[in-house]
Amino acid sequence: MSKKNTSKVVRYSRKRLPSDKTDWARIDLMTDDAVTAVALADPDAQPLTSGQLARMRRVSRVKVLRQRLGMTQMEFAEAFHLPITTLRD
């Protein structure tokens, strides 16, 4: 198997997240139409067609996803701002 098409999983602790380089003030000044126009101008982020959407598979169950991320229930709940009881149910 070639390693050219693989991704490296990087895990950060909540205390050591990379810095956010987004200019939120500039984005807040944009209208909804301007945001849509900028998004559609990005060739790497084009909307999916209905055929592409139909071929997509369902997202993994939360438990499987959490385990693949190597997170405890508490860590996962905190990271995604979920009540721990919702995660356990």
N, C-alpha and C. Protein backbone atom coordinates (compact mmCIF):
# COMPACT_ATOMS: atom_id res chain seq x y z
N MET A 1 0.84 -1.18 0.00
CA MET A 1 0.00 0.00 0.00
C MET A 1 0.89 1.25 0.00
N SER A 2 0.55 2.19 -0.85
CA SER A 2 1.30 3.43 -0.94
C SER A 2 0.95 4.35 0.21
N LYS A 3 1.93 5.07 0.70
CA LYS A 3 1.67 6.02 1.78
C LYS A 3 1.41 7.42 1.25
N LYS A 4 1.34 7.58 -0.07
CA LYS A 4 1.12 8.90 -0.65
C LYS A 4 -0.26 9.44 -0.33
N ASN A 5 -1.24 8.57 -0.21
CA ASN A 5 -2.62 9.01 -0.01
C ASN A 5 -3.09 8.84 1.43
N THR A 6 -2.17 8.83 2.36
CA THR A 6 -2.55 8.68 3.76
C THR A 6 -2.41 10.02 4.48
N SER A 7 -3.11 10.14 5.56
CA SER A 7 -3.06 11.35 6.38
C SER A 7 -2.46 11.01 7.73
N LYS A 8 -1.79 11.96 8.31
CA LYS A 8 -1.23 11.78 9.64
C LYS A 8 -2.23 12.32 10.66
N VAL A 9 -2.52 11.53 11.67
CA VAL A 9 -3.41 11.96 12.73
C VAL A 9 -2.58 12.72 13.76
N VAL A 10 -3.01 13.93 14.06
CA VAL A 10 -2.32 14.76 15.04
C VAL A 10 -3.27 15.00 16.20
N ARG A 11 -2.82 14.72 17.39
CA ARG A 11 -3.65 14.93 18.57
C ARG A 11 -3.08 16.06 19.39
N TYR A 12 -3.96 16.95 19.81
CA TYR A 12 -3.59 18.06 20.66
C TYR A 12 -4.35 17.95 21.97
N SER A 13 -3.70 18.31 23.05
CA SER A 13 -4.44 18.40 24.30
C SER A 13 -5.21 19.71 24.27
N ARG A 14 -6.24 19.83 25.08
CA ARG A 14 -7.03 21.05 25.09
C ARG A 14 -6.19 22.26 25.49
N LYS A 15 -5.14 22.04 26.27
CA LYS A 15 -4.30 23.15 26.73
C LYS A 15 -3.28 23.57 25.68
N ARG A 16 -3.03 22.73 24.67
CA ARG A 16 -1.99 23.02 23.69
C ARG A 16 -2.52 23.01 22.26
N LEU A 17 -3.68 23.59 22.04
CA LEU A 17 -4.23 23.68 20.69
C LEU A 17 -3.41 24.67 19.86
N PRO A 18 -3.30 24.43 18.54
CA PRO A 18 -2.57 25.40 17.72
C PRO A 18 -3.29 26.73 17.70
N SER A 19 -2.53 27.80 17.47
CA SER A 19 -3.15 29.13 17.48
C SER A 19 -4.08 29.29 16.29
N ASP A 20 -5.14 30.05 16.50
CA ASP A 20 -6.13 30.32 15.45
C ASP A 20 -5.67 31.53 14.66
N LYS A 21 -5.45 31.35 13.36
CA LYS A 21 -4.94 32.44 12.52
C LYS A 21 -6.06 33.09 11.70
N THR A 22 -7.29 32.78 12.02
CA THR A 22 -8.43 33.33 11.29
C THR A 22 -8.66 34.79 11.68
N ASP A 23 -8.87 35.64 10.69
CA ASP A 23 -9.17 37.05 10.92
C ASP A 23 -10.69 37.18 11.10
N TRP A 24 -11.17 36.90 12.31
CA TRP A 24 -12.61 36.88 12.58
C TRP A 24 -13.24 38.25 12.42
N ALA A 25 -12.51 39.32 12.70
CA ALA A 25 -13.06 40.67 12.55
C ALA A 25 -13.40 40.93 11.07
N ARG A 26 -12.51 40.50 10.17
CA ARG A 26 -12.76 40.66 8.74
C ARG A 26 -13.98 39.84 8.30
N ILE A 27 -14.10 38.63 8.81
CA ILE A 27 -15.22 37.77 8.45
C ILE A 27 -16.53 38.35 8.99
N ASP A 28 -16.50 38.89 10.19
CA ASP A 28 -17.71 39.48 10.78
C ASP A 28 -18.23 40.65 9.95
N LEU A 29 -17.34 41.35 9.23
CA LEU A 29 -17.75 42.49 8.42
C LEU A 29 -18.36 42.06 7.08
N MET A 30 -18.18 40.81 6.70
CA MET A 30 -18.68 40.34 5.41
C MET A 30 -20.18 40.05 5.48
N THR A 31 -20.87 40.31 4.37
CA THR A 31 -22.29 39.96 4.28
C THR A 31 -22.40 38.47 3.99
N ASP A 32 -23.59 37.91 4.16
CA ASP A 32 -23.80 36.50 3.84
C ASP A 32 -23.51 36.22 2.37
N ASP A 33 -23.91 37.15 1.49
CA ASP A 33 -23.65 36.97 0.06
C ASP A 33 -22.16 36.97 -0.24
N ALA A 34 -21.40 37.82 0.44
CA ALA A 34 -19.95 37.87 0.24
C ALA A 34 -19.30 36.58 0.71
N VAL A 35 -19.74 36.06 1.84
CA VAL A 35 -19.19 34.81 2.36
C VAL A 35 -19.47 33.68 1.37
N THR A 36 -20.70 33.62 0.84
CA THR A 36 -21.06 32.59 -0.13
C THR A 36 -20.22 32.71 -1.39
N ALA A 37 -20.03 33.94 -1.88
CA ALA A 37 -19.23 34.15 -3.09
C ALA A 37 -17.79 33.70 -2.89
N VAL A 38 -17.21 34.02 -1.74
CA VAL A 38 -15.83 33.61 -1.46
C VAL A 38 -15.74 32.09 -1.37
N ALA A 39 -16.70 31.49 -0.72
CA ALA A 39 -16.69 30.03 -0.58
C ALA A 39 -16.81 29.35 -1.95
N LEU A 40 -17.69 29.84 -2.80
CA LEU A 40 -17.88 29.24 -4.13
C LEU A 40 -16.68 29.48 -5.04
N ALA A 41 -15.88 30.52 -4.76
CA ALA A 41 -14.70 30.81 -5.57
C ALA A 41 -13.53 29.87 -5.24
N ASP A 42 -13.61 29.15 -4.14
CA ASP A 42 -12.55 28.23 -3.74
C ASP A 42 -12.69 26.93 -4.53
N PRO A 43 -11.74 26.62 -5.44
CA PRO A 43 -11.87 25.41 -6.25
C PRO A 43 -11.77 24.12 -5.43
N ASP A 44 -11.20 24.19 -4.24
CA ASP A 44 -11.06 23.00 -3.41
C ASP A 44 -12.26 22.76 -2.51
N ALA A 45 -13.25 23.64 -2.54
CA ALA A 45 -14.38 23.51 -1.63
C ALA A 45 -15.70 23.71 -2.37
N GLN A 46 -15.85 23.07 -3.51
CA GLN A 46 -17.08 23.21 -4.28
C GLN A 46 -18.19 22.36 -3.66
N PRO A 47 -19.44 22.81 -3.78
CA PRO A 47 -20.56 22.04 -3.23
C PRO A 47 -20.66 20.68 -3.91
N LEU A 48 -21.11 19.70 -3.17
CA LEU A 48 -21.28 18.36 -3.73
C LEU A 48 -22.55 18.30 -4.57
N THR A 49 -22.51 17.50 -5.62
CA THR A 49 -23.72 17.29 -6.43
C THR A 49 -24.63 16.31 -5.71
N SER A 50 -25.86 16.21 -6.15
CA SER A 50 -26.78 15.27 -5.51
C SER A 50 -26.30 13.84 -5.70
N GLY A 51 -25.65 13.54 -6.84
CA GLY A 51 -25.09 12.21 -7.06
C GLY A 51 -23.97 11.89 -6.09
N GLN A 52 -23.09 12.88 -5.85
CA GLN A 52 -22.00 12.69 -4.89
C GLN A 52 -22.55 12.49 -3.48
N LEU A 53 -23.56 13.27 -3.13
CA LEU A 53 -24.16 13.12 -1.80
C LEU A 53 -24.79 11.76 -1.63
N ALA A 54 -25.42 11.23 -2.69
CA ALA A 54 -26.08 9.92 -2.62
C ALA A 54 -25.06 8.80 -2.41
N ARG A 55 -23.83 8.98 -2.92
CA ARG A 55 -22.81 7.94 -2.79
C ARG A 55 -22.06 7.98 -1.45
N MET A 56 -22.26 9.01 -0.68
CA MET A 56 -21.54 9.14 0.59
C MET A 56 -22.05 8.11 1.59
N ARG A 57 -21.13 7.62 2.40
CA ARG A 57 -21.56 6.67 3.43
C ARG A 57 -21.85 7.41 4.73
N ARG A 58 -22.57 6.74 5.58
CA ARG A 58 -22.96 7.34 6.85
C ARG A 58 -21.75 7.56 7.73
N VAL A 59 -21.84 8.53 8.61
CA VAL A 59 -20.78 8.83 9.56
C VAL A 59 -20.72 7.72 10.60
N SER A 60 -19.52 7.41 11.05
CA SER A 60 -19.34 6.38 12.08
C SER A 60 -20.11 6.72 13.33
N ARG A 61 -20.44 5.71 14.09
CA ARG A 61 -21.09 5.94 15.37
C ARG A 61 -20.15 6.73 16.28
N VAL A 62 -20.73 7.47 17.18
CA VAL A 62 -19.95 8.34 18.06
C VAL A 62 -18.93 7.54 18.87
N LYS A 63 -19.31 6.38 19.36
CA LYS A 63 -18.39 5.59 20.16
C LYS A 63 -17.16 5.19 19.35
N VAL A 64 -17.38 4.75 18.12
CA VAL A 64 -16.26 4.35 17.26
C VAL A 64 -15.38 5.56 16.96
N LEU A 65 -15.99 6.68 16.65
CA LEU A 65 -15.24 7.89 16.38
C LEU A 65 -14.41 8.31 17.59
N ARG A 66 -15.03 8.30 18.76
CA ARG A 66 -14.33 8.68 19.99
C ARG A 66 -13.15 7.76 20.24
N GLN A 67 -13.35 6.46 20.03
CA GLN A 67 -12.27 5.50 20.25
C GLN A 67 -11.14 5.70 19.25
N ARG A 68 -11.48 5.99 18.00
CA ARG A 68 -10.44 6.24 17.00
C ARG A 68 -9.63 7.48 17.32
N LEU A 69 -10.27 8.46 17.95
CA LEU A 69 -9.56 9.66 18.35
C LEU A 69 -8.76 9.45 19.63
N GLY A 70 -8.98 8.31 20.28
CA GLY A 70 -8.25 8.01 21.50
C GLY A 70 -8.67 8.88 22.66
N MET A 71 -9.97 9.23 22.70
CA MET A 71 -10.47 10.13 23.75
C MET A 71 -11.38 9.38 24.70
N THR A 72 -11.37 9.79 25.95
CA THR A 72 -12.33 9.26 26.91
C THR A 72 -13.67 9.93 26.64
N GLN A 73 -14.73 9.40 27.25
CA GLN A 73 -16.04 10.03 27.10
C GLN A 73 -16.01 11.47 27.58
N MET A 74 -15.35 11.71 28.70
CA MET A 74 -15.29 13.06 29.26
C MET A 74 -14.52 14.01 28.33
N GLU A 75 -13.38 13.55 27.80
CA GLU A 75 -12.60 14.39 26.88
C GLU A 75 -13.40 14.72 25.62
N PHE A 76 -14.08 13.71 25.08
CA PHE A 76 -14.87 13.91 23.86
C PHE A 76 -16.01 14.89 24.12
N ALA A 77 -16.70 14.71 25.24
CA ALA A 77 -17.81 15.59 25.59
C ALA A 77 -17.34 17.03 25.74
N GLU A 78 -16.22 17.23 26.39
CA GLU A 78 -15.68 18.58 26.57
C GLU A 78 -15.22 19.18 25.24
N ALA A 79 -14.56 18.37 24.41
CA ALA A 79 -14.04 18.87 23.15
C ALA A 79 -15.14 19.33 22.20
N PHE A 80 -16.29 18.62 22.24
CA PHE A 80 -17.38 18.94 21.31
C PHE A 80 -18.57 19.59 22.01
N HIS A 81 -18.34 20.05 23.23
CA HIS A 81 -19.35 20.79 24.00
C HIS A 81 -20.68 20.02 24.09
N LEU A 82 -20.56 18.74 24.46
CA LEU A 82 -21.74 17.89 24.63
C LEU A 82 -21.90 17.56 26.10
N PRO A 83 -23.15 17.46 26.56
CA PRO A 83 -23.34 16.97 27.92
C PRO A 83 -22.89 15.51 28.00
N ILE A 84 -22.19 15.15 29.03
CA ILE A 84 -21.69 13.77 29.18
C ILE A 84 -22.84 12.78 29.18
N THR A 85 -23.99 13.18 29.72
CA THR A 85 -25.14 12.27 29.74
C THR A 85 -25.63 11.96 28.33
N THR A 86 -25.58 12.93 27.44
CA THR A 86 -25.98 12.71 26.04
C THR A 86 -25.04 11.70 25.40
N LEU A 87 -23.76 11.84 25.67
CA LEU A 87 -22.77 10.93 25.11
C LEU A 87 -22.98 9.51 25.63
N ARG A 88 -23.26 9.39 26.90
CA ARG A 88 -23.46 8.06 27.49
C ARG A 88 -24.74 7.40 27.01
N ASP A 89 -25.76 8.20 26.74
CA ASP A 89 -27.03 7.63 26.26
C ASP A 89 -26.90 7.20 24.82
